[in-house]
């Protein structure tokens, strides 16, 4: 009888350890998912603040269908080519595009980690975020140009996973790409 109780106690102990590990992993995944969601929305707020502070870069934040309307508006206030303010705008545009692509790369990286952790909630959220970039924002004609090896070549700044996801997911350009931008900057 004592031997049976000892075996039963051992089984209960092992079961308790396994259950505790499962619950801890579930709580940990939920905390990581909540942090990923909060970080993503904070980064999106930061991009919105950048857009508000640097209104001359508004064309970078437009979806493909609205791009030409905003770019045409910005062309009306474009400084003459060669003007130092045109150079400044071109450099700011490149930096803002790097920020957008950097957030995209971060999402792709986090998605890979979520898949490795088999965290379904985080996978679903990050897949939606990656889809937003690939399907809505990154087809922007100026961003296409700035990303391309034959354009601004920003793609070389990013990791293999982000470049592969971009090639696989960003569909064909319905409106082409914009190699001049609203300020005539290459």
N, C-alpha and C. Protein backbone atom coordinates (compact mmCIF):
# COMPACT_ATOMS: atom_id res chain seq x y z
N UNK A 1 0.82 -1.19 0.00
CA UNK A 1 0.00 0.00 0.00
C UNK A 1 0.87 1.26 0.00
N UNK A 2 1.94 1.29 0.79
CA UNK A 2 2.82 2.45 0.86
C UNK A 2 3.51 2.66 -0.48
N UNK A 3 3.87 1.55 -1.12
CA UNK A 3 4.51 1.64 -2.43
C UNK A 3 3.54 2.22 -3.45
N UNK A 4 2.31 1.83 -3.43
CA UNK A 4 1.30 2.36 -4.36
C UNK A 4 1.07 3.84 -4.09
N UNK A 5 1.03 4.25 -2.82
CA UNK A 5 0.87 5.67 -2.49
C UNK A 5 2.08 6.48 -2.96
N UNK A 6 3.27 5.89 -2.81
CA UNK A 6 4.49 6.57 -3.26
C UNK A 6 4.46 6.77 -4.78
N UNK A 7 4.04 5.75 -5.51
CA UNK A 7 3.95 5.85 -6.97
C UNK A 7 2.89 6.88 -7.35
N UNK A 8 1.76 6.84 -6.66
CA UNK A 8 0.70 7.81 -6.92
C UNK A 8 1.18 9.23 -6.63
N UNK A 9 1.92 9.41 -5.53
CA UNK A 9 2.45 10.73 -5.18
C UNK A 9 3.44 11.20 -6.24
N UNK A 10 4.26 10.28 -6.76
CA UNK A 10 5.21 10.61 -7.80
C UNK A 10 4.49 11.03 -9.08
N UNK A 11 3.44 10.31 -9.46
CA UNK A 11 2.65 10.64 -10.66
C UNK A 11 2.00 12.01 -10.51
N UNK A 12 1.43 12.26 -9.32
CA UNK A 12 0.80 13.55 -9.05
C UNK A 12 1.84 14.66 -9.11
N UNK A 13 3.04 14.43 -8.57
CA UNK A 13 4.10 15.44 -8.60
C UNK A 13 4.53 15.76 -10.02
N UNK A 14 4.74 14.71 -10.82
CA UNK A 14 5.13 14.91 -12.22
C UNK A 14 4.02 15.64 -12.97
N UNK A 15 2.78 15.24 -12.74
CA UNK A 15 1.64 15.91 -13.36
C UNK A 15 1.57 17.37 -12.97
N UNK A 16 1.82 17.66 -11.71
CA UNK A 16 1.80 19.05 -11.23
C UNK A 16 2.89 19.88 -11.90
N UNK A 17 4.07 19.30 -12.04
CA UNK A 17 5.18 20.01 -12.68
C UNK A 17 4.83 20.29 -14.14
N UNK A 18 4.31 19.29 -14.83
CA UNK A 18 3.94 19.48 -16.24
C UNK A 18 2.84 20.53 -16.39
N UNK A 19 1.84 20.46 -15.53
CA UNK A 19 0.74 21.42 -15.58
C UNK A 19 1.26 22.83 -15.30
N UNK A 20 2.13 22.96 -14.30
CA UNK A 20 2.70 24.27 -13.96
C UNK A 20 3.51 24.82 -15.13
N UNK A 21 4.28 23.96 -15.77
CA UNK A 21 5.07 24.39 -16.93
C UNK A 21 4.16 24.84 -18.06
N UNK A 22 3.08 24.10 -18.30
CA UNK A 22 2.13 24.46 -19.35
C UNK A 22 1.48 25.81 -19.05
N UNK A 23 1.03 25.99 -17.83
CA UNK A 23 0.38 27.25 -17.45
C UNK A 23 1.36 28.41 -17.52
N UNK A 24 2.60 28.19 -17.05
CA UNK A 24 3.61 29.24 -17.11
C UNK A 24 3.90 29.64 -18.55
N UNK A 25 4.01 28.65 -19.43
CA UNK A 25 4.26 28.94 -20.84
C UNK A 25 3.10 29.73 -21.44
N UNK A 26 1.88 29.35 -21.11
CA UNK A 26 0.69 30.03 -21.61
C UNK A 26 0.67 31.49 -21.13
N UNK A 27 0.97 31.70 -19.86
CA UNK A 27 0.99 33.06 -19.30
C UNK A 27 2.11 33.85 -19.95
N UNK A 28 3.28 33.22 -20.12
CA UNK A 28 4.41 33.89 -20.74
C UNK A 28 4.07 34.28 -22.18
N UNK A 29 3.46 33.38 -22.95
CA UNK A 29 3.08 33.68 -24.33
C UNK A 29 2.10 34.85 -24.37
N UNK A 30 1.14 34.87 -23.44
CA UNK A 30 0.16 35.95 -23.40
C UNK A 30 0.85 37.28 -23.11
N UNK A 31 1.80 37.27 -22.17
CA UNK A 31 2.52 38.50 -21.84
C UNK A 31 3.35 38.99 -23.02
N UNK A 32 4.02 38.05 -23.71
CA UNK A 32 4.82 38.42 -24.88
C UNK A 32 3.91 38.95 -25.98
N UNK A 33 2.77 38.32 -26.19
CA UNK A 33 1.81 38.77 -27.21
C UNK A 33 1.31 40.18 -26.88
N UNK A 34 0.95 40.41 -25.64
CA UNK A 34 0.48 41.74 -25.23
C UNK A 34 1.57 42.79 -25.43
N UNK A 35 2.81 42.44 -25.12
CA UNK A 35 3.92 43.37 -25.32
C UNK A 35 4.13 43.64 -26.81
N UNK A 36 4.04 42.60 -27.63
CA UNK A 36 4.21 42.78 -29.08
C UNK A 36 3.14 43.70 -29.65
N UNK A 37 1.92 43.52 -29.20
CA UNK A 37 0.81 44.37 -29.67
C UNK A 37 1.03 45.81 -29.24
N UNK A 38 1.39 46.01 -27.97
CA UNK A 38 1.63 47.37 -27.47
C UNK A 38 2.79 48.02 -28.21
N UNK A 39 3.87 47.28 -28.44
CA UNK A 39 5.02 47.82 -29.15
C UNK A 39 4.67 48.21 -30.58
N UNK A 40 3.89 47.37 -31.24
CA UNK A 40 3.49 47.65 -32.62
C UNK A 40 2.67 48.94 -32.70
N UNK A 41 1.68 49.05 -31.85
CA UNK A 41 0.84 50.25 -31.90
C UNK A 41 1.61 51.50 -31.50
N UNK A 42 2.56 51.38 -30.60
CA UNK A 42 3.39 52.53 -30.26
C UNK A 42 4.24 52.94 -31.47
N UNK A 43 4.79 51.97 -32.17
CA UNK A 43 5.58 52.27 -33.36
C UNK A 43 4.71 52.92 -34.44
N UNK A 44 3.48 52.45 -34.60
CA UNK A 44 2.57 53.06 -35.58
C UNK A 44 2.23 54.50 -35.16
N UNK A 45 2.05 54.74 -33.86
CA UNK A 45 1.82 56.11 -33.39
C UNK A 45 3.04 56.98 -33.68
N UNK A 46 4.23 56.43 -33.49
CA UNK A 46 5.45 57.18 -33.79
C UNK A 46 5.53 57.54 -35.27
N UNK A 47 5.14 56.61 -36.15
CA UNK A 47 5.12 56.92 -37.58
C UNK A 47 4.10 58.00 -37.89
N UNK A 48 2.96 57.95 -37.22
CA UNK A 48 1.95 58.99 -37.43
C UNK A 48 2.47 60.35 -36.96
N UNK A 49 3.18 60.36 -35.84
CA UNK A 49 3.77 61.62 -35.36
C UNK A 49 4.81 62.14 -36.36
N UNK A 50 5.60 61.24 -36.91
CA UNK A 50 6.58 61.64 -37.92
C UNK A 50 5.86 62.27 -39.12
N UNK A 51 4.78 61.63 -39.54
CA UNK A 51 4.01 62.16 -40.67
C UNK A 51 3.45 63.54 -40.35
N UNK A 52 3.00 63.75 -39.14
CA UNK A 52 2.45 65.06 -38.77
C UNK A 52 3.55 66.12 -38.67
N UNK A 53 4.69 65.74 -38.11
CA UNK A 53 5.78 66.70 -37.95
C UNK A 53 6.46 67.02 -39.28
N UNK A 54 6.56 66.04 -40.14
CA UNK A 54 7.22 66.20 -41.43
C UNK A 54 6.18 66.02 -42.54
N UNK A 55 5.24 66.93 -42.62
CA UNK A 55 4.13 66.80 -43.55
C UNK A 55 4.59 66.69 -45.00
N UNK A 56 5.81 67.17 -45.28
CA UNK A 56 6.34 67.09 -46.64
C UNK A 56 6.62 65.65 -47.06
N UNK A 57 6.55 64.72 -46.12
CA UNK A 57 6.79 63.31 -46.39
C UNK A 57 5.49 62.51 -46.44
N UNK A 58 4.37 63.20 -46.49
CA UNK A 58 3.06 62.53 -46.43
C UNK A 58 2.88 61.48 -47.52
N UNK A 59 3.51 61.67 -48.67
CA UNK A 59 3.36 60.71 -49.77
C UNK A 59 3.85 59.31 -49.40
N UNK A 60 4.79 59.20 -48.49
CA UNK A 60 5.32 57.89 -48.10
C UNK A 60 4.33 57.06 -47.28
N UNK A 61 3.37 57.71 -46.69
CA UNK A 61 2.44 57.04 -45.78
C UNK A 61 1.11 56.71 -46.45
N UNK A 62 1.03 56.97 -47.75
CA UNK A 62 -0.22 56.74 -48.48
C UNK A 62 -0.24 55.36 -49.11
N UNK A 63 -1.43 54.77 -49.16
CA UNK A 63 -1.61 53.51 -49.88
C UNK A 63 -1.51 53.81 -51.37
N UNK A 64 -1.27 52.78 -52.13
CA UNK A 64 -1.02 52.90 -53.57
C UNK A 64 -2.11 53.70 -54.29
N UNK A 65 -3.36 53.47 -53.94
CA UNK A 65 -4.47 54.13 -54.64
C UNK A 65 -4.52 55.63 -54.40
N UNK A 66 -4.01 56.10 -53.26
CA UNK A 66 -4.07 57.53 -52.93
C UNK A 66 -2.76 58.26 -53.17
N UNK A 67 -1.74 57.53 -53.53
CA UNK A 67 -0.40 58.12 -53.63
C UNK A 67 -0.36 59.33 -54.55
N UNK A 68 -0.85 59.20 -55.76
CA UNK A 68 -0.70 60.29 -56.75
C UNK A 68 -1.38 61.58 -56.30
N UNK A 69 -2.49 61.47 -55.61
CA UNK A 69 -3.19 62.67 -55.13
C UNK A 69 -2.30 63.46 -54.17
N UNK A 70 -1.70 62.77 -53.23
CA UNK A 70 -0.85 63.44 -52.24
C UNK A 70 0.45 63.92 -52.88
N UNK A 71 1.06 63.09 -53.72
CA UNK A 71 2.30 63.50 -54.39
C UNK A 71 2.06 64.74 -55.25
N UNK A 72 0.93 64.81 -55.93
CA UNK A 72 0.61 65.99 -56.75
C UNK A 72 0.45 67.24 -55.88
N UNK A 73 -0.15 67.09 -54.72
CA UNK A 73 -0.28 68.23 -53.80
C UNK A 73 1.10 68.71 -53.35
N UNK A 74 1.98 67.78 -53.04
CA UNK A 74 3.31 68.14 -52.56
C UNK A 74 4.16 68.76 -53.66
N UNK A 75 3.94 68.37 -54.90
CA UNK A 75 4.69 68.96 -56.03
C UNK A 75 4.44 70.47 -56.12
N UNK A 76 3.28 70.91 -55.65
CA UNK A 76 2.94 72.34 -55.71
C UNK A 76 3.83 73.18 -54.80
N UNK A 77 4.43 72.56 -53.78
CA UNK A 77 5.29 73.30 -52.84
C UNK A 77 6.73 72.83 -52.94
N UNK A 78 7.07 72.13 -54.02
CA UNK A 78 8.42 71.58 -54.19
C UNK A 78 9.44 72.70 -54.39
N UNK A 79 10.56 72.61 -53.69
CA UNK A 79 11.63 73.57 -53.94
C UNK A 79 12.29 73.26 -55.29
N UNK A 80 12.95 74.22 -55.87
CA UNK A 80 13.61 73.96 -57.16
C UNK A 80 14.72 72.91 -57.00
N UNK A 81 14.94 72.10 -58.04
CA UNK A 81 16.02 71.11 -57.98
C UNK A 81 17.36 71.78 -57.67
N UNK A 82 18.15 71.12 -56.86
CA UNK A 82 19.45 71.67 -56.49
C UNK A 82 19.40 72.58 -55.28
N UNK A 83 18.23 73.04 -54.92
CA UNK A 83 18.07 73.87 -53.72
C UNK A 83 18.41 73.01 -52.50
N UNK A 84 19.12 73.58 -51.53
CA UNK A 84 19.45 72.79 -50.33
C UNK A 84 18.22 72.18 -49.64
N UNK A 85 17.09 72.85 -49.72
CA UNK A 85 15.89 72.28 -49.08
C UNK A 85 15.39 71.05 -49.84
N UNK A 86 15.65 70.97 -51.15
CA UNK A 86 15.28 69.78 -51.92
C UNK A 86 16.17 68.60 -51.51
N UNK A 87 17.43 68.88 -51.28
CA UNK A 87 18.35 67.83 -50.81
C UNK A 87 17.93 67.37 -49.42
N UNK A 88 17.59 68.32 -48.58
CA UNK A 88 17.13 67.99 -47.22
C UNK A 88 15.89 67.11 -47.26
N UNK A 89 14.94 67.45 -48.12
CA UNK A 89 13.72 66.64 -48.24
C UNK A 89 14.03 65.24 -48.74
N UNK A 90 14.95 65.12 -49.69
CA UNK A 90 15.31 63.79 -50.21
C UNK A 90 15.93 62.94 -49.12
N UNK A 91 16.78 63.54 -48.29
CA UNK A 91 17.40 62.79 -47.20
C UNK A 91 16.39 62.42 -46.11
N UNK A 92 15.49 63.34 -45.82
CA UNK A 92 14.43 63.04 -44.84
C UNK A 92 13.51 61.94 -45.37
N UNK A 93 13.21 62.00 -46.65
CA UNK A 93 12.36 60.98 -47.27
C UNK A 93 13.00 59.61 -47.12
N UNK A 94 14.28 59.53 -47.38
CA UNK A 94 15.00 58.26 -47.28
C UNK A 94 15.00 57.76 -45.82
N UNK A 95 15.21 58.66 -44.89
CA UNK A 95 15.20 58.27 -43.47
C UNK A 95 13.82 57.79 -43.03
N UNK A 96 12.77 58.47 -43.48
CA UNK A 96 11.41 58.05 -43.14
C UNK A 96 11.10 56.69 -43.74
N UNK A 97 11.54 56.48 -44.99
CA UNK A 97 11.34 55.17 -45.63
C UNK A 97 12.08 54.08 -44.85
N UNK A 98 13.28 54.37 -44.39
CA UNK A 98 14.02 53.41 -43.56
C UNK A 98 13.24 53.07 -42.29
N UNK A 99 12.58 54.07 -41.70
CA UNK A 99 11.77 53.82 -40.50
C UNK A 99 10.59 52.90 -40.82
N UNK A 100 9.94 53.15 -41.93
CA UNK A 100 8.80 52.30 -42.33
C UNK A 100 9.27 50.88 -42.59
N UNK A 101 10.33 50.74 -43.37
CA UNK A 101 10.85 49.40 -43.67
C UNK A 101 11.41 48.73 -42.41
N UNK A 102 11.95 49.53 -41.50
CA UNK A 102 12.46 48.97 -40.24
C UNK A 102 11.35 48.38 -39.39
N UNK A 103 10.21 49.06 -39.34
CA UNK A 103 9.08 48.51 -38.60
C UNK A 103 8.57 47.24 -39.28
N UNK A 104 8.53 47.26 -40.60
CA UNK A 104 8.14 46.06 -41.35
C UNK A 104 9.08 44.89 -41.02
N UNK A 105 10.38 45.15 -41.04
CA UNK A 105 11.34 44.09 -40.71
C UNK A 105 11.14 43.59 -39.29
N UNK A 106 10.86 44.49 -38.37
CA UNK A 106 10.63 44.10 -36.98
C UNK A 106 9.41 43.17 -36.88
N UNK A 107 8.36 43.49 -37.60
CA UNK A 107 7.17 42.65 -37.61
C UNK A 107 7.50 41.26 -38.15
N UNK A 108 8.25 41.20 -39.25
CA UNK A 108 8.62 39.92 -39.85
C UNK A 108 9.48 39.11 -38.88
N UNK A 109 10.42 39.77 -38.23
CA UNK A 109 11.28 39.09 -37.25
C UNK A 109 10.44 38.53 -36.10
N UNK A 110 9.56 39.37 -35.56
CA UNK A 110 8.72 38.92 -34.44
C UNK A 110 7.78 37.79 -34.86
N UNK A 111 7.30 37.84 -36.09
CA UNK A 111 6.44 36.77 -36.59
C UNK A 111 7.21 35.45 -36.61
N UNK A 112 8.44 35.48 -37.05
CA UNK A 112 9.27 34.27 -37.04
C UNK A 112 9.46 33.73 -35.64
N UNK A 113 9.67 34.62 -34.67
CA UNK A 113 9.81 34.19 -33.27
C UNK A 113 8.51 33.59 -32.75
N UNK A 114 7.39 34.21 -33.09
CA UNK A 114 6.09 33.69 -32.65
C UNK A 114 5.84 32.31 -33.23
N UNK A 115 6.21 32.13 -34.49
CA UNK A 115 6.04 30.81 -35.12
C UNK A 115 6.92 29.77 -34.44
N UNK A 116 8.15 30.17 -34.10
CA UNK A 116 9.05 29.24 -33.40
C UNK A 116 8.50 28.87 -32.02
N UNK A 117 7.85 29.83 -31.37
CA UNK A 117 7.26 29.60 -30.04
C UNK A 117 5.88 28.93 -30.12
N UNK A 118 5.35 28.84 -31.34
CA UNK A 118 4.00 28.30 -31.58
C UNK A 118 2.95 29.07 -30.76
N UNK A 119 3.13 30.38 -30.73
CA UNK A 119 2.21 31.25 -29.99
C UNK A 119 1.15 31.74 -30.97
N UNK A 120 0.01 31.05 -31.01
CA UNK A 120 -1.01 31.30 -32.01
C UNK A 120 -1.57 32.72 -31.97
N UNK A 121 -1.78 33.25 -30.79
CA UNK A 121 -2.30 34.62 -30.68
C UNK A 121 -1.35 35.63 -31.27
N UNK A 122 -0.08 35.50 -30.96
CA UNK A 122 0.93 36.41 -31.50
C UNK A 122 1.10 36.20 -33.00
N UNK A 123 1.05 34.95 -33.45
CA UNK A 123 1.15 34.66 -34.89
C UNK A 123 0.02 35.36 -35.64
N UNK A 124 -1.20 35.27 -35.14
CA UNK A 124 -2.35 35.89 -35.81
C UNK A 124 -2.19 37.40 -35.87
N UNK A 125 -1.81 38.01 -34.76
CA UNK A 125 -1.65 39.47 -34.74
C UNK A 125 -0.55 39.92 -35.69
N UNK A 126 0.61 39.27 -35.60
CA UNK A 126 1.74 39.68 -36.42
C UNK A 126 1.52 39.37 -37.90
N UNK A 127 0.78 38.32 -38.21
CA UNK A 127 0.43 38.04 -39.60
C UNK A 127 -0.44 39.17 -40.15
N UNK A 128 -1.40 39.62 -39.36
CA UNK A 128 -2.24 40.75 -39.78
C UNK A 128 -1.39 42.01 -40.00
N UNK A 129 -0.44 42.25 -39.09
CA UNK A 129 0.43 43.43 -39.22
C UNK A 129 1.30 43.31 -40.49
N UNK A 130 1.87 42.13 -40.72
CA UNK A 130 2.69 41.92 -41.93
C UNK A 130 1.85 42.08 -43.19
N UNK A 131 0.61 41.59 -43.14
CA UNK A 131 -0.29 41.74 -44.28
C UNK A 131 -0.60 43.20 -44.56
N UNK A 132 -0.77 44.01 -43.51
CA UNK A 132 -1.02 45.44 -43.70
C UNK A 132 0.14 46.06 -44.49
N UNK A 133 1.35 45.77 -44.05
CA UNK A 133 2.50 46.33 -44.75
C UNK A 133 2.57 45.83 -46.19
N UNK A 134 2.53 44.51 -46.37
CA UNK A 134 2.73 43.92 -47.70
C UNK A 134 1.60 44.26 -48.66
N UNK A 135 0.37 44.31 -48.17
CA UNK A 135 -0.78 44.51 -49.05
C UNK A 135 -1.20 45.97 -49.19
N UNK A 136 -0.92 46.80 -48.20
CA UNK A 136 -1.44 48.17 -48.22
C UNK A 136 -0.35 49.24 -48.33
N UNK A 137 0.60 49.25 -47.40
CA UNK A 137 1.54 50.37 -47.36
C UNK A 137 2.72 50.21 -48.31
N UNK A 138 3.37 49.07 -48.34
CA UNK A 138 4.59 48.93 -49.12
C UNK A 138 4.39 48.95 -50.64
N UNK A 139 3.20 48.71 -51.17
CA UNK A 139 3.01 48.92 -52.61
C UNK A 139 3.02 50.40 -53.04
N UNK A 140 3.13 51.32 -52.09
CA UNK A 140 3.24 52.74 -52.37
C UNK A 140 4.33 52.93 -53.45
N UNK A 141 4.03 53.67 -54.52
CA UNK A 141 4.98 53.80 -55.63
C UNK A 141 6.36 54.35 -55.25
N UNK A 142 6.41 55.29 -54.34
CA UNK A 142 7.72 55.84 -53.95
C UNK A 142 8.47 54.84 -53.06
N UNK A 143 7.75 54.17 -52.17
CA UNK A 143 8.40 53.16 -51.34
C UNK A 143 8.94 52.01 -52.19
N UNK A 144 8.20 51.63 -53.23
CA UNK A 144 8.69 50.59 -54.15
C UNK A 144 10.02 51.00 -54.76
N UNK A 145 10.08 52.23 -55.21
CA UNK A 145 11.31 52.73 -55.81
C UNK A 145 12.45 52.74 -54.80
N UNK A 146 12.17 53.28 -53.62
CA UNK A 146 13.23 53.39 -52.62
C UNK A 146 13.72 52.03 -52.15
N UNK A 147 12.86 51.02 -52.12
CA UNK A 147 13.25 49.67 -51.71
C UNK A 147 14.11 48.99 -52.78
N UNK A 148 13.75 49.16 -54.03
CA UNK A 148 14.32 48.39 -55.13
C UNK A 148 15.82 48.58 -55.30
N UNK A 149 16.47 47.48 -55.65
CA UNK A 149 17.90 47.50 -55.97
C UNK A 149 18.17 48.45 -57.14
N UNK A 150 17.22 48.55 -58.07
CA UNK A 150 17.35 49.43 -59.23
C UNK A 150 16.89 50.86 -58.93
N UNK A 151 16.48 51.10 -57.70
CA UNK A 151 16.02 52.42 -57.30
C UNK A 151 16.90 52.96 -56.18
N UNK A 152 16.29 53.16 -55.03
CA UNK A 152 17.01 53.69 -53.87
C UNK A 152 17.86 52.65 -53.15
N UNK A 153 17.66 51.38 -53.46
CA UNK A 153 18.42 50.25 -52.92
C UNK A 153 18.38 50.15 -51.39
N UNK A 154 17.27 50.53 -50.78
CA UNK A 154 17.17 50.38 -49.33
C UNK A 154 17.06 48.92 -48.93
N UNK A 155 16.65 48.06 -49.84
CA UNK A 155 16.51 46.64 -49.50
C UNK A 155 17.81 46.07 -48.95
N UNK A 156 18.96 46.59 -49.38
CA UNK A 156 20.24 46.05 -48.92
C UNK A 156 20.47 46.31 -47.43
N UNK A 157 19.70 47.19 -46.84
CA UNK A 157 19.83 47.53 -45.42
C UNK A 157 19.17 46.51 -44.51
N UNK A 158 18.40 45.58 -45.08
CA UNK A 158 17.55 44.71 -44.27
C UNK A 158 17.93 43.25 -44.38
N UNK A 159 17.49 42.49 -43.39
CA UNK A 159 17.85 41.08 -43.29
C UNK A 159 17.16 40.24 -44.36
N UNK A 160 17.71 39.06 -44.57
CA UNK A 160 17.25 38.13 -45.59
C UNK A 160 15.76 37.84 -45.45
N UNK A 161 15.28 37.62 -44.22
CA UNK A 161 13.87 37.27 -44.01
C UNK A 161 12.94 38.38 -44.48
N UNK A 162 13.29 39.62 -44.17
CA UNK A 162 12.45 40.75 -44.59
C UNK A 162 12.47 40.89 -46.11
N UNK A 163 13.63 40.73 -46.73
CA UNK A 163 13.72 40.84 -48.19
C UNK A 163 12.93 39.72 -48.86
N UNK A 164 13.03 38.52 -48.31
CA UNK A 164 12.29 37.38 -48.89
C UNK A 164 10.79 37.58 -48.75
N UNK A 165 10.34 38.04 -47.58
CA UNK A 165 8.91 38.29 -47.37
C UNK A 165 8.43 39.36 -48.34
N UNK A 166 9.21 40.41 -48.51
CA UNK A 166 8.84 41.49 -49.43
C UNK A 166 8.67 40.94 -50.84
N UNK A 167 9.67 40.19 -51.32
CA UNK A 167 9.59 39.64 -52.69
C UNK A 167 8.38 38.73 -52.84
N UNK A 168 8.10 37.95 -51.82
CA UNK A 168 6.99 37.00 -51.90
C UNK A 168 5.63 37.67 -51.78
N UNK A 169 5.51 38.70 -50.96
CA UNK A 169 4.20 39.21 -50.60
C UNK A 169 3.79 40.53 -51.24
N UNK A 170 4.72 41.40 -51.55
CA UNK A 170 4.33 42.68 -52.13
C UNK A 170 4.05 42.42 -53.60
N UNK A 171 2.78 42.49 -53.95
CA UNK A 171 2.33 42.12 -55.29
C UNK A 171 2.81 43.06 -56.37
N UNK A 172 2.37 42.81 -57.58
CA UNK A 172 2.79 43.66 -58.71
C UNK A 172 2.28 45.09 -58.55
N UNK A 173 3.04 45.99 -59.08
CA UNK A 173 2.70 47.42 -58.98
C UNK A 173 1.58 47.77 -59.94
N UNK A 174 0.44 48.15 -59.40
CA UNK A 174 -0.68 48.57 -60.24
C UNK A 174 -0.44 49.97 -60.79
N UNK A 175 0.27 50.77 -60.03
CA UNK A 175 0.50 52.16 -60.42
C UNK A 175 1.99 52.42 -60.69
N UNK A 176 2.76 51.38 -60.89
CA UNK A 176 4.19 51.54 -61.16
C UNK A 176 4.95 51.98 -59.93
N UNK A 177 6.09 52.60 -60.18
CA UNK A 177 6.84 53.18 -59.08
C UNK A 177 7.18 54.60 -59.43
N UNK A 178 7.56 55.36 -58.45
CA UNK A 178 7.83 56.78 -58.65
C UNK A 178 9.32 57.01 -58.38
N UNK A 179 10.08 57.19 -59.47
CA UNK A 179 11.52 57.36 -59.30
C UNK A 179 11.93 58.81 -59.03
N UNK A 180 11.00 59.73 -59.09
CA UNK A 180 11.31 61.13 -58.85
C UNK A 180 10.72 61.65 -57.53
N UNK A 181 9.60 61.09 -57.11
CA UNK A 181 8.96 61.59 -55.90
C UNK A 181 8.35 62.96 -56.16
N UNK A 182 7.69 63.53 -55.18
CA UNK A 182 7.04 64.81 -55.39
C UNK A 182 8.02 65.97 -55.54
N UNK A 183 9.28 65.74 -55.17
CA UNK A 183 10.26 66.81 -55.21
C UNK A 183 11.29 66.65 -56.32
N UNK A 184 11.05 65.68 -57.20
CA UNK A 184 11.97 65.47 -58.31
C UNK A 184 13.29 64.87 -57.88
N UNK A 185 13.34 64.31 -56.69
CA UNK A 185 14.60 63.77 -56.16
C UNK A 185 14.75 62.30 -56.55
N UNK A 186 15.91 61.95 -57.09
CA UNK A 186 16.13 60.54 -57.44
C UNK A 186 16.39 59.69 -56.20
